[in-house]
């Protein structure tokens, strides 16, 4: 099973969308600075997770979330979650 995920930088205005078969390990790599693309934006919090049956369907969903419409929805979701994190 594959997972499509979106993470938001806590300190910067940056959202990353990716897919993996081991979400826990992948998030640890992002937050540990071991991914070149996200290294300078760490630390991250998860804002969205979607399970997919196979790699092909995960790739389709990942492309959607990286599109303009998908990114806009993720920004709205991130903004809601940021309010929750601050009030927690």
N, C-alpha and C. Protein backbone atom coordinates (compact mmCIF):
# COMPACT_ATOMS: atom_id res chain seq x y z
N UNK A 1 0.84 -1.18 0.00
CA UNK A 1 0.00 0.00 0.00
C UNK A 1 0.89 1.24 0.00
N UNK A 2 0.48 2.22 -0.76
CA UNK A 2 1.20 3.49 -0.85
C UNK A 2 0.40 4.57 -0.13
N UNK A 3 1.13 5.58 0.35
CA UNK A 3 0.52 6.70 1.05
C UNK A 3 0.94 7.99 0.36
N UNK A 4 -0.02 8.84 0.07
CA UNK A 4 0.25 10.20 -0.43
C UNK A 4 0.12 11.10 0.79
N UNK A 5 1.10 11.99 0.97
CA UNK A 5 1.09 12.82 2.16
C UNK A 5 1.46 14.26 1.82
N UNK A 6 1.04 15.16 2.68
CA UNK A 6 1.43 16.57 2.56
C UNK A 6 1.94 17.01 3.93
N UNK A 7 3.07 17.69 3.92
CA UNK A 7 3.63 18.22 5.15
C UNK A 7 3.82 19.72 4.99
N UNK A 8 3.69 20.43 6.09
CA UNK A 8 3.85 21.89 6.08
C UNK A 8 5.00 22.26 7.01
N UNK A 9 5.83 23.17 6.54
CA UNK A 9 6.90 23.70 7.37
C UNK A 9 6.30 24.52 8.50
N UNK A 10 6.81 24.36 9.69
CA UNK A 10 6.31 25.11 10.84
C UNK A 10 6.82 26.55 10.80
N UNK A 11 8.02 26.75 10.26
CA UNK A 11 8.65 28.07 10.29
C UNK A 11 8.62 28.83 8.97
N UNK A 12 8.28 28.17 7.88
CA UNK A 12 8.28 28.81 6.57
C UNK A 12 6.95 28.56 5.85
N UNK A 13 6.69 29.31 4.82
CA UNK A 13 5.49 29.14 4.01
C UNK A 13 5.80 28.11 2.92
N UNK A 14 5.82 26.84 3.29
CA UNK A 14 6.24 25.78 2.37
C UNK A 14 5.42 24.52 2.64
N UNK A 15 4.85 23.96 1.59
CA UNK A 15 4.12 22.69 1.67
C UNK A 15 4.77 21.72 0.70
N UNK A 16 5.02 20.51 1.16
CA UNK A 16 5.61 19.46 0.33
C UNK A 16 4.62 18.31 0.22
N UNK A 17 4.46 17.79 -0.99
CA UNK A 17 3.59 16.65 -1.26
C UNK A 17 4.45 15.51 -1.79
N UNK A 18 4.26 14.32 -1.23
CA UNK A 18 5.03 13.18 -1.68
C UNK A 18 4.25 11.90 -1.51
N UNK A 19 4.90 10.79 -1.87
CA UNK A 19 4.27 9.48 -1.66
C UNK A 19 5.34 8.50 -1.19
N UNK A 20 4.90 7.52 -0.41
CA UNK A 20 5.83 6.56 0.17
C UNK A 20 5.07 5.31 0.58
N UNK A 21 5.81 4.26 0.88
CA UNK A 21 5.20 3.07 1.45
C UNK A 21 5.55 2.94 2.93
N UNK A 22 6.33 3.89 3.47
CA UNK A 22 6.69 3.91 4.89
C UNK A 22 6.66 5.36 5.37
N UNK A 23 5.49 5.81 5.78
CA UNK A 23 5.30 7.21 6.13
C UNK A 23 6.14 7.64 7.33
N UNK A 24 6.19 6.82 8.35
CA UNK A 24 6.94 7.17 9.56
C UNK A 24 8.41 7.43 9.24
N UNK A 25 9.02 6.56 8.47
CA UNK A 25 10.42 6.71 8.08
C UNK A 25 10.62 7.95 7.21
N UNK A 26 9.71 8.15 6.28
CA UNK A 26 9.82 9.30 5.36
C UNK A 26 9.73 10.63 6.11
N UNK A 27 8.81 10.72 7.07
CA UNK A 27 8.69 11.95 7.85
C UNK A 27 9.93 12.19 8.70
N UNK A 28 10.49 11.12 9.24
CA UNK A 28 11.73 11.25 10.02
C UNK A 28 12.86 11.78 9.14
N UNK A 29 12.91 11.33 7.89
CA UNK A 29 13.94 11.82 6.96
C UNK A 29 13.75 13.30 6.65
N UNK A 30 12.50 13.72 6.44
CA UNK A 30 12.22 15.14 6.19
C UNK A 30 12.63 15.98 7.39
N UNK A 31 12.19 15.60 8.56
CA UNK A 31 12.46 16.39 9.76
C UNK A 31 13.92 16.30 10.20
N UNK A 32 14.60 15.25 9.79
CA UNK A 32 16.02 15.09 10.12
C UNK A 32 16.95 15.79 9.15
N UNK A 33 16.40 16.46 8.14
CA UNK A 33 17.23 17.16 7.16
C UNK A 33 17.94 16.24 6.18
N UNK A 34 17.43 15.03 6.01
CA UNK A 34 18.09 14.07 5.12
C UNK A 34 17.50 14.04 3.71
N UNK A 35 16.57 14.94 3.44
CA UNK A 35 16.01 15.07 2.09
C UNK A 35 16.40 16.43 1.53
N UNK A 36 17.07 16.43 0.40
CA UNK A 36 17.62 17.66 -0.17
C UNK A 36 16.54 18.70 -0.45
N UNK A 37 15.39 18.27 -0.95
CA UNK A 37 14.32 19.19 -1.33
C UNK A 37 13.75 19.95 -0.13
N UNK A 38 13.66 19.29 1.01
CA UNK A 38 12.99 19.90 2.16
C UNK A 38 13.94 20.31 3.29
N UNK A 39 15.21 20.06 3.12
CA UNK A 39 16.19 20.28 4.19
C UNK A 39 16.10 21.66 4.84
N UNK A 40 15.97 22.70 4.03
CA UNK A 40 16.03 24.06 4.55
C UNK A 40 14.71 24.55 5.15
N UNK A 41 13.66 23.73 5.06
CA UNK A 41 12.35 24.13 5.54
C UNK A 41 11.91 23.38 6.80
N UNK A 42 12.70 22.45 7.28
CA UNK A 42 12.35 21.67 8.47
C UNK A 42 12.28 22.59 9.69
N UNK A 43 11.51 22.26 10.66
CA UNK A 43 10.71 21.05 10.89
C UNK A 43 9.33 21.13 10.23
N UNK A 44 8.71 19.95 10.10
CA UNK A 44 7.43 19.82 9.43
C UNK A 44 6.39 19.17 10.33
N UNK A 45 5.14 19.44 9.99
CA UNK A 45 4.01 18.72 10.57
C UNK A 45 3.17 18.18 9.42
N UNK A 46 2.57 17.04 9.64
CA UNK A 46 1.72 16.42 8.63
C UNK A 46 0.38 17.14 8.59
N UNK A 47 -0.05 17.49 7.37
CA UNK A 47 -1.36 18.14 7.24
C UNK A 47 -2.36 17.28 6.48
N UNK A 48 -1.87 16.26 5.75
CA UNK A 48 -2.79 15.43 4.97
C UNK A 48 -2.15 14.08 4.69
N UNK A 49 -2.94 13.00 4.80
CA UNK A 49 -2.49 11.65 4.48
C UNK A 49 -3.63 10.95 3.75
N UNK A 50 -3.29 10.27 2.66
CA UNK A 50 -4.28 9.52 1.87
C UNK A 50 -3.68 8.18 1.47
N UNK A 51 -4.36 7.10 1.80
CA UNK A 51 -3.89 5.77 1.44
C UNK A 51 -4.37 5.39 0.05
N UNK A 52 -3.50 4.76 -0.71
CA UNK A 52 -3.83 4.30 -2.07
C UNK A 52 -3.47 2.83 -2.20
N UNK A 53 -4.16 2.13 -3.07
CA UNK A 53 -3.95 0.69 -3.23
C UNK A 53 -2.64 0.34 -3.93
N UNK A 54 -2.22 1.18 -4.86
CA UNK A 54 -1.01 0.87 -5.62
C UNK A 54 -0.26 2.15 -5.99
N UNK A 55 0.92 1.97 -6.55
CA UNK A 55 1.78 3.10 -6.89
C UNK A 55 1.15 3.99 -7.96
N UNK A 56 0.50 3.40 -8.94
CA UNK A 56 -0.09 4.18 -10.03
C UNK A 56 -1.19 5.12 -9.52
N UNK A 57 -2.08 4.60 -8.68
CA UNK A 57 -3.14 5.46 -8.16
C UNK A 57 -2.57 6.51 -7.21
N UNK A 58 -1.52 6.16 -6.48
CA UNK A 58 -0.87 7.14 -5.60
C UNK A 58 -0.23 8.25 -6.42
N UNK A 59 0.35 7.92 -7.53
CA UNK A 59 0.98 8.92 -8.39
C UNK A 59 -0.05 9.90 -8.95
N UNK A 60 -1.22 9.39 -9.32
CA UNK A 60 -2.29 10.25 -9.82
C UNK A 60 -2.73 11.23 -8.73
N UNK A 61 -2.92 10.73 -7.51
CA UNK A 61 -3.33 11.59 -6.40
C UNK A 61 -2.23 12.60 -6.03
N UNK A 62 -0.99 12.15 -6.07
CA UNK A 62 0.13 13.06 -5.78
C UNK A 62 0.16 14.21 -6.79
N UNK A 63 -0.04 13.90 -8.05
CA UNK A 63 -0.06 14.94 -9.08
C UNK A 63 -1.20 15.92 -8.85
N UNK A 64 -2.36 15.41 -8.41
CA UNK A 64 -3.48 16.30 -8.12
C UNK A 64 -3.11 17.26 -6.99
N UNK A 65 -2.58 16.73 -5.89
CA UNK A 65 -2.26 17.58 -4.74
C UNK A 65 -1.14 18.56 -5.04
N UNK A 66 -0.32 18.29 -6.02
CA UNK A 66 0.74 19.22 -6.42
C UNK A 66 0.24 20.27 -7.41
N UNK A 67 -0.95 20.08 -7.95
CA UNK A 67 -1.52 21.02 -8.92
C UNK A 67 -1.96 22.29 -8.21
N UNK A 68 -2.33 23.31 -8.97
CA UNK A 68 -2.78 24.57 -8.40
C UNK A 68 -4.00 24.42 -7.51
N UNK A 69 -4.99 23.66 -7.96
CA UNK A 69 -6.21 23.45 -7.18
C UNK A 69 -5.89 22.67 -5.91
N UNK A 70 -5.12 21.61 -6.05
CA UNK A 70 -4.75 20.80 -4.90
C UNK A 70 -3.95 21.58 -3.88
N UNK A 71 -2.97 22.36 -4.34
CA UNK A 71 -2.16 23.16 -3.42
C UNK A 71 -3.00 24.19 -2.68
N UNK A 72 -3.98 24.76 -3.36
CA UNK A 72 -4.85 25.74 -2.71
C UNK A 72 -5.64 25.09 -1.58
N UNK A 73 -6.14 23.88 -1.82
CA UNK A 73 -6.87 23.15 -0.78
C UNK A 73 -5.93 22.82 0.39
N UNK A 74 -4.70 22.46 0.08
CA UNK A 74 -3.74 22.16 1.14
C UNK A 74 -3.39 23.41 1.95
N UNK A 75 -3.32 24.56 1.29
CA UNK A 75 -3.05 25.81 2.02
C UNK A 75 -4.18 26.09 3.02
N UNK A 76 -5.42 25.89 2.57
CA UNK A 76 -6.56 26.10 3.46
C UNK A 76 -6.50 25.14 4.65
N UNK A 77 -6.18 23.88 4.37
CA UNK A 77 -6.07 22.88 5.42
C UNK A 77 -4.94 23.22 6.39
N UNK A 78 -3.81 23.66 5.84
CA UNK A 78 -2.67 24.05 6.67
C UNK A 78 -3.04 25.21 7.59
N UNK A 79 -3.72 26.20 7.05
CA UNK A 79 -4.09 27.37 7.84
C UNK A 79 -5.01 26.99 9.01
N UNK A 80 -5.93 26.07 8.77
CA UNK A 80 -6.80 25.59 9.84
C UNK A 80 -6.00 24.86 10.91
N UNK A 81 -5.10 24.00 10.46
CA UNK A 81 -4.29 23.22 11.40
C UNK A 81 -3.33 24.11 12.18
N UNK A 82 -2.81 25.15 11.55
CA UNK A 82 -1.90 26.07 12.24
C UNK A 82 -2.61 26.71 13.43
N UNK A 83 -3.87 27.06 13.25
CA UNK A 83 -4.65 27.62 14.35
C UNK A 83 -4.80 26.61 15.48
N UNK A 84 -5.04 25.35 15.12
CA UNK A 84 -5.15 24.29 16.13
C UNK A 84 -3.83 24.12 16.88
N UNK A 85 -2.70 24.12 16.15
CA UNK A 85 -1.38 23.92 16.78
C UNK A 85 -1.08 25.05 17.75
N UNK A 86 -1.45 26.25 17.39
CA UNK A 86 -1.17 27.41 18.27
C UNK A 86 -2.01 27.37 19.53
N UNK A 87 -3.24 26.85 19.41
CA UNK A 87 -4.14 26.79 20.56
C UNK A 87 -3.91 25.58 21.43
N UNK A 88 -3.05 24.66 21.00
CA UNK A 88 -2.83 23.42 21.71
C UNK A 88 -1.88 23.61 22.82
